[in-house]
Each structure stands twice: as structure tokens, then as C-alpha cells.
Amino acid sequence: MIRKGKSAAGAAKAEARRQQQKAEWQQAEQTNEMNLQLAAQAEKITALQAQVAQLRAENEQAILREIAREDEVRDLKNEVARLRRLVPPEERGEVVETETVQPVEPEPTDVAAAPEAVQALCAQFNIYVVGGSQTWQKRVAAVCPALKVIGSQKNFDAQQLQYADLLVLNTNFVSHACINKAKEAAPRTTRVRFLSQNQLSALYALITETFSLSL
């Protein structure tokens, strides 16, 4: 009976050792497989890093080439401008702009004071008038003193328009240079309207229509 008990105990210990060894082998295989997977991922990461470095280098080269092209284009433009300055305007086929004023227009007939609604708008908003003959400008200033009248020559002070709410450009008796300067000097929020006639009633209607949605 004793021998049978010892044999059974020895068999159990042997079986336990086998199970332990089997578990260790399985653990070793899992560890080895995990190490292989990590090594494969490391290789992929290394390859991706190399691709990123290559793309970064190519991008930097592209930026440098673009900068070089921009410098070349700028140099060419400057050279063209320099050469154009050497050629008289007449030979370039350009019209030399002058600040000459057209003949004096007929006296306006609507010289009554501006309507109260128009005067109220001129008092509430910064409204500037550019262009038109001196006679017409004097009439505008007389009938509505709150209107800010600027001349028809391009040598006016552009700072006057920095707070303009409405810019009325009378295209009669005015140079293109004056019109362009006024449009560039006014803020982007300024409403710009064009007037091509000298009747004060047309000016009143333009002002009223411009601010009708704001009232």
C-alpha cells in the first residue's frame, strides 16, 4: 500500500512538472511571437520615418525653387518697368493724363435748400462728394453745409476720407486719377456711389436711396 501511494504521488509530481513546462513553452512562444510583432512594427515605423524625412526634404526643395522663381519674376518685372521708363509715353502708345478741367457747365436750376431728410442724413453720416465742377460744388455746399465737398483734382488730402460712410463720385469735370485716388483712400466699409449729372435733385435721391435701408 505504501509503494502504491508513493508511485501515485510521484506520477502526480511528474504530471505537474510536465504541465508547468508546457505552460512555460507556451509563454515563451507567445513572448517570441510578440517580440516578432514588435520588431515588424519597429521596421514599419522606421520606414515611415524615412518616408517622412524624404517628403520633408522634397517639400523644402520645392519651397526653395518657388522662392527662386518668385525672385526671378520680380527681377524681370523690375527690369521691364525700368525699360518702359526709358521709352517716352507717346512711343508706348499711352495717353498722358492731364488735370485739365472741362468747360464750365450751365448753372444748376435747383438751388433751393436740401430737403430736411437729406440734411438729417448728412448730419448723421459722413458723406463726401468728389468731382463735379467748382460751380456745382459751391451749390452743393450752399444747399447742404453738412455735406463734405472735396475738389476735382487728385492732389486732395486722402486722410479726409478715412471716416467716410458714403462717397459720391461725380464723374463730370473730374480726372480719372482723382476718382481712383478717392476710391482707394476710402475704407472698405464706405459705400461708393457714382453720379453722372449735375442736378441737385439727383444727388438728394442718391443719398436718400443709399441710406433708406439703414433708417
Protein backbone atom coordinates (compact mmCIF):
# COMPACT_ATOMS: atom_id res chain seq x y z
CA MET A 1 0.00 0.00 0.00
CA ILE A 2 2.83 2.38 0.79
CA ARG A 3 4.51 1.71 -2.53
CA LYS A 4 1.32 2.41 -4.44
CA GLY A 5 0.93 5.72 -2.59
CA LYS A 6 4.47 6.78 -3.40
CA SER A 7 4.01 5.85 -7.05
CA ALA A 8 0.84 7.89 -7.31
CA ALA A 9 2.49 10.90 -5.69
CA GLY A 10 5.49 10.66 -7.99
CA ALA A 11 3.23 10.42 -11.03
CA ALA A 12 1.33 13.50 -9.90
CA LYS A 13 4.54 15.46 -9.43
CA ALA A 14 5.75 14.38 -12.87
CA GLU A 15 2.48 15.45 -14.43
CA ALA A 16 2.66 18.80 -12.66
CA ARG A 17 6.17 19.33 -13.98
CA ARG A 18 5.02 18.50 -17.50
CA GLN A 19 2.13 20.95 -17.23
CA GLN A 20 4.45 23.63 -15.88
CA GLN A 21 6.93 23.03 -18.69
CA LYS A 22 4.11 23.15 -21.23
CA ALA A 23 2.91 26.45 -19.78
CA GLU A 24 6.44 27.84 -19.88
CA TRP A 25 6.82 26.76 -23.51
CA GLN A 26 3.52 28.41 -24.43
CA GLN A 27 4.54 31.58 -22.61
CA ALA A 28 7.89 31.53 -24.39
CA GLU A 29 6.16 31.09 -27.76
CA GLN A 30 3.77 33.96 -27.01
CA THR A 31 6.67 36.15 -25.93
CA ASN A 32 8.62 35.27 -29.04
CA GLU A 33 5.62 36.00 -31.26
CA MET A 34 5.07 39.33 -29.53
CA ASN A 35 8.73 40.22 -29.98
CA LEU A 36 8.46 39.41 -33.68
CA GLN A 37 5.39 41.63 -33.99
CA LEU A 38 7.15 44.47 -32.17
CA ALA A 39 10.15 44.09 -34.42
CA ALA A 40 7.93 44.22 -37.51
CA GLN A 41 6.18 47.35 -36.20
CA ALA A 42 9.54 48.94 -35.44
CA GLU A 43 10.63 48.28 -39.03
CA LYS A 44 7.41 49.87 -40.34
CA ILE A 45 7.92 52.91 -38.10
CA THR A 46 11.49 53.25 -39.31
CA ALA A 47 10.36 53.03 -42.93
CA LEU A 48 7.63 55.63 -42.33
CA GLN A 49 10.08 57.96 -40.63
CA ALA A 50 12.38 57.64 -43.62
CA GLN A 51 9.49 58.47 -45.97
CA VAL A 52 8.53 61.50 -43.85
CA ALA A 53 12.11 62.74 -43.89
CA GLN A 54 12.26 62.31 -47.66
CA LEU A 55 8.94 64.13 -48.16
CA ARG A 56 10.07 66.93 -45.86
CA ALA A 57 13.28 67.33 -47.82
CA GLU A 58 11.38 67.35 -51.13
CA ASN A 59 8.94 69.93 -49.76
CA GLU A 60 11.79 72.17 -48.61
CA GLN A 61 13.39 71.91 -52.04
CA ALA A 62 10.06 72.80 -53.67
CA ILE A 63 9.72 75.85 -51.43
CA LEU A 64 13.23 76.98 -52.30
CA ARG A 65 12.50 76.55 -56.01
CA GLU A 66 9.28 78.57 -55.67
CA ILE A 67 11.11 81.35 -53.83
CA ALA A 68 13.75 81.38 -56.55
CA ARG A 69 11.04 81.62 -59.23
CA GLU A 70 9.33 84.49 -57.39
CA ASP A 71 12.65 86.32 -57.14
CA GLU A 72 13.25 85.77 -60.83
CA VAL A 73 9.77 87.03 -61.75
CA ARG A 74 10.20 90.09 -59.53
CA ASP A 75 13.56 90.87 -61.11
CA LEU A 76 12.06 90.52 -64.59
CA LYS A 77 9.17 92.84 -63.69
CA ASN A 78 11.57 95.41 -62.32
CA GLU A 79 13.67 95.20 -65.46
CA VAL A 80 10.60 95.60 -67.68
CA ALA A 81 9.48 98.61 -65.63
CA ARG A 82 12.95 100.13 -65.91
CA LEU A 83 13.00 99.66 -69.68
CA ARG A 84 9.50 101.10 -70.04
CA ARG A 85 10.58 104.23 -68.19
CA LEU A 86 13.26 104.75 -70.82
CA VAL A 87 10.64 104.91 -73.58
CA PRO A 88 8.57 108.12 -73.90
CA PRO A 89 4.83 107.65 -73.18
CA GLU A 90 3.92 108.68 -76.72
CA GLU A 91 6.05 105.89 -78.21
CA ARG A 92 4.45 103.38 -75.83
CA GLY A 93 1.06 104.31 -77.20
CA GLU A 94 -0.09 105.68 -73.85
CA VAL A 95 -2.20 108.76 -73.34
CA VAL A 96 -0.63 111.27 -70.97
CA GLU A 97 -3.26 112.12 -68.37
CA THR A 98 -3.75 115.77 -67.59
CA GLU A 99 -5.62 117.57 -64.88
CA THR A 100 -7.36 119.94 -67.27
CA VAL A 101 -10.93 120.85 -66.39
CA GLN A 102 -13.69 120.62 -68.94
CA PRO A 103 -15.64 123.71 -69.98
CA VAL A 104 -17.90 125.22 -67.35
CA GLU A 105 -21.33 123.59 -67.25
CA PRO A 106 -24.57 125.54 -67.24
CA GLU A 107 -25.72 126.95 -63.92
CA PRO A 108 -27.90 124.48 -61.97
CA THR A 109 -31.54 125.40 -61.71
CA ASP A 110 -32.38 123.52 -58.49
CA VAL A 111 -30.72 125.80 -55.95
CA ALA A 112 -33.23 125.51 -53.13
CA ALA A 113 -32.09 124.22 -49.76
CA ALA A 114 -31.77 120.46 -49.49
CA PRO A 115 -34.80 118.62 -48.08
CA GLU A 116 -34.83 118.13 -44.33
CA ALA A 117 -34.49 114.36 -44.71
CA VAL A 118 -31.30 114.79 -46.75
CA GLN A 119 -29.88 117.33 -44.32
CA ALA A 120 -30.60 114.94 -41.44
CA LEU A 121 -28.73 112.13 -43.21
CA CYS A 122 -25.79 114.44 -43.94
CA ALA A 123 -25.67 115.39 -40.27
CA GLN A 124 -25.86 111.76 -39.12
CA PHE A 125 -23.38 110.22 -41.58
CA ASN A 126 -20.03 111.30 -43.01
CA ILE A 127 -20.95 111.92 -46.65
CA TYR A 128 -18.25 113.12 -49.04
CA VAL A 129 -18.65 114.41 -52.59
CA VAL A 130 -15.72 114.20 -55.01
CA GLY A 131 -15.78 115.54 -58.53
CA GLY A 132 -18.02 117.93 -60.40
CA SER A 133 -17.21 121.48 -61.41
CA GLN A 134 -16.40 124.20 -58.91
CA THR A 135 -19.75 125.85 -59.63
CA TRP A 136 -21.63 122.65 -58.85
CA GLN A 137 -19.58 122.03 -55.73
CA LYS A 138 -20.34 125.52 -54.47
CA ARG A 139 -24.04 124.91 -55.00
CA VAL A 140 -23.86 121.63 -53.08
CA ALA A 141 -22.05 123.29 -50.17
CA ALA A 142 -24.59 126.11 -50.15
CA VAL A 143 -27.75 123.98 -50.12
CA CYS A 144 -26.39 121.40 -47.65
CA PRO A 145 -23.47 122.62 -45.50
CA ALA A 146 -23.24 119.26 -43.70
CA LEU A 147 -22.04 117.62 -46.92
CA LYS A 148 -18.26 117.40 -47.15
CA VAL A 149 -17.22 118.55 -50.62
CA ILE A 150 -13.78 117.69 -51.98
CA GLY A 151 -12.32 119.13 -55.18
CA SER A 152 -11.88 117.51 -58.56
CA GLN A 153 -8.09 117.33 -58.60
CA LYS A 154 -6.03 114.37 -57.40
CA ASN A 155 -3.90 116.47 -55.02
CA PHE A 156 -6.60 116.45 -52.30
CA ASP A 157 -5.79 115.14 -48.81
CA ALA A 158 -6.72 111.44 -48.80
CA GLN A 159 -6.91 111.43 -44.99
CA GLN A 160 -10.20 113.29 -45.28
CA LEU A 161 -11.91 110.09 -46.40
CA GLN A 162 -10.75 107.79 -43.60
CA TYR A 163 -14.12 108.02 -41.80
CA ALA A 164 -16.39 108.28 -44.84
CA ASP A 165 -19.72 106.45 -44.69
CA LEU A 166 -20.73 107.42 -48.22
CA LEU A 167 -18.54 108.59 -51.10
CA VAL A 168 -20.36 110.23 -54.01
CA LEU A 169 -18.22 110.43 -57.15
CA ASN A 170 -19.46 112.94 -59.71
CA THR A 171 -17.83 111.77 -62.92
CA ASN A 172 -18.36 115.14 -64.62
CA PHE A 173 -15.45 117.60 -64.65
CA VAL A 174 -13.04 115.25 -62.85
CA SER A 175 -9.92 113.28 -63.77
CA HIS A 176 -9.62 109.50 -63.57
CA ALA A 177 -6.68 109.92 -61.21
CA CYS A 178 -8.86 111.84 -58.76
CA ILE A 179 -11.62 109.21 -58.94
CA ASN A 180 -9.17 106.32 -58.40
CA LYS A 181 -7.44 108.08 -55.52
CA ALA A 182 -10.76 108.69 -53.78
CA LYS A 183 -11.86 105.07 -54.14
CA GLU A 184 -8.53 103.79 -52.81
CA ALA A 185 -8.48 106.26 -49.90
CA ALA A 186 -11.97 105.39 -48.65
CA PRO A 187 -12.27 102.47 -46.17
CA ARG A 188 -13.69 99.18 -47.41
CA THR A 189 -16.86 99.78 -45.41
CA THR A 190 -17.54 103.03 -47.27
CA ARG A 191 -20.44 102.94 -49.69
CA VAL A 192 -19.36 104.31 -53.07
CA ARG A 193 -21.94 105.77 -55.46
CA PHE A 194 -21.48 107.38 -58.87
CA LEU A 195 -23.28 110.45 -60.17
CA SER A 196 -23.15 111.49 -63.82
CA GLN A 197 -25.48 114.51 -63.80
CA ASN A 198 -25.41 117.91 -62.19
CA GLN A 199 -28.96 118.19 -60.91
CA LEU A 200 -29.01 118.52 -57.13
CA SER A 201 -32.24 116.56 -57.02
CA ALA A 202 -30.33 113.54 -58.39
CA LEU A 203 -27.80 113.93 -55.59
CA TYR A 204 -30.57 114.08 -52.98
CA ALA A 205 -32.20 110.95 -54.41
CA LEU A 206 -28.88 109.07 -54.40
CA ILE A 207 -28.21 109.93 -50.74
CA THR A 208 -31.74 109.04 -49.65
CA GLU A 209 -31.72 105.75 -51.56
CA THR A 210 -28.31 104.74 -50.17
CA PHE A 211 -29.38 105.06 -46.53
CA SER A 212 -33.03 104.08 -46.90
CA LEU A 213 -32.32 100.56 -45.62
CA SER A 214 -30.36 101.88 -42.64
CA LEU A 215 -33.13 104.03 -41.23
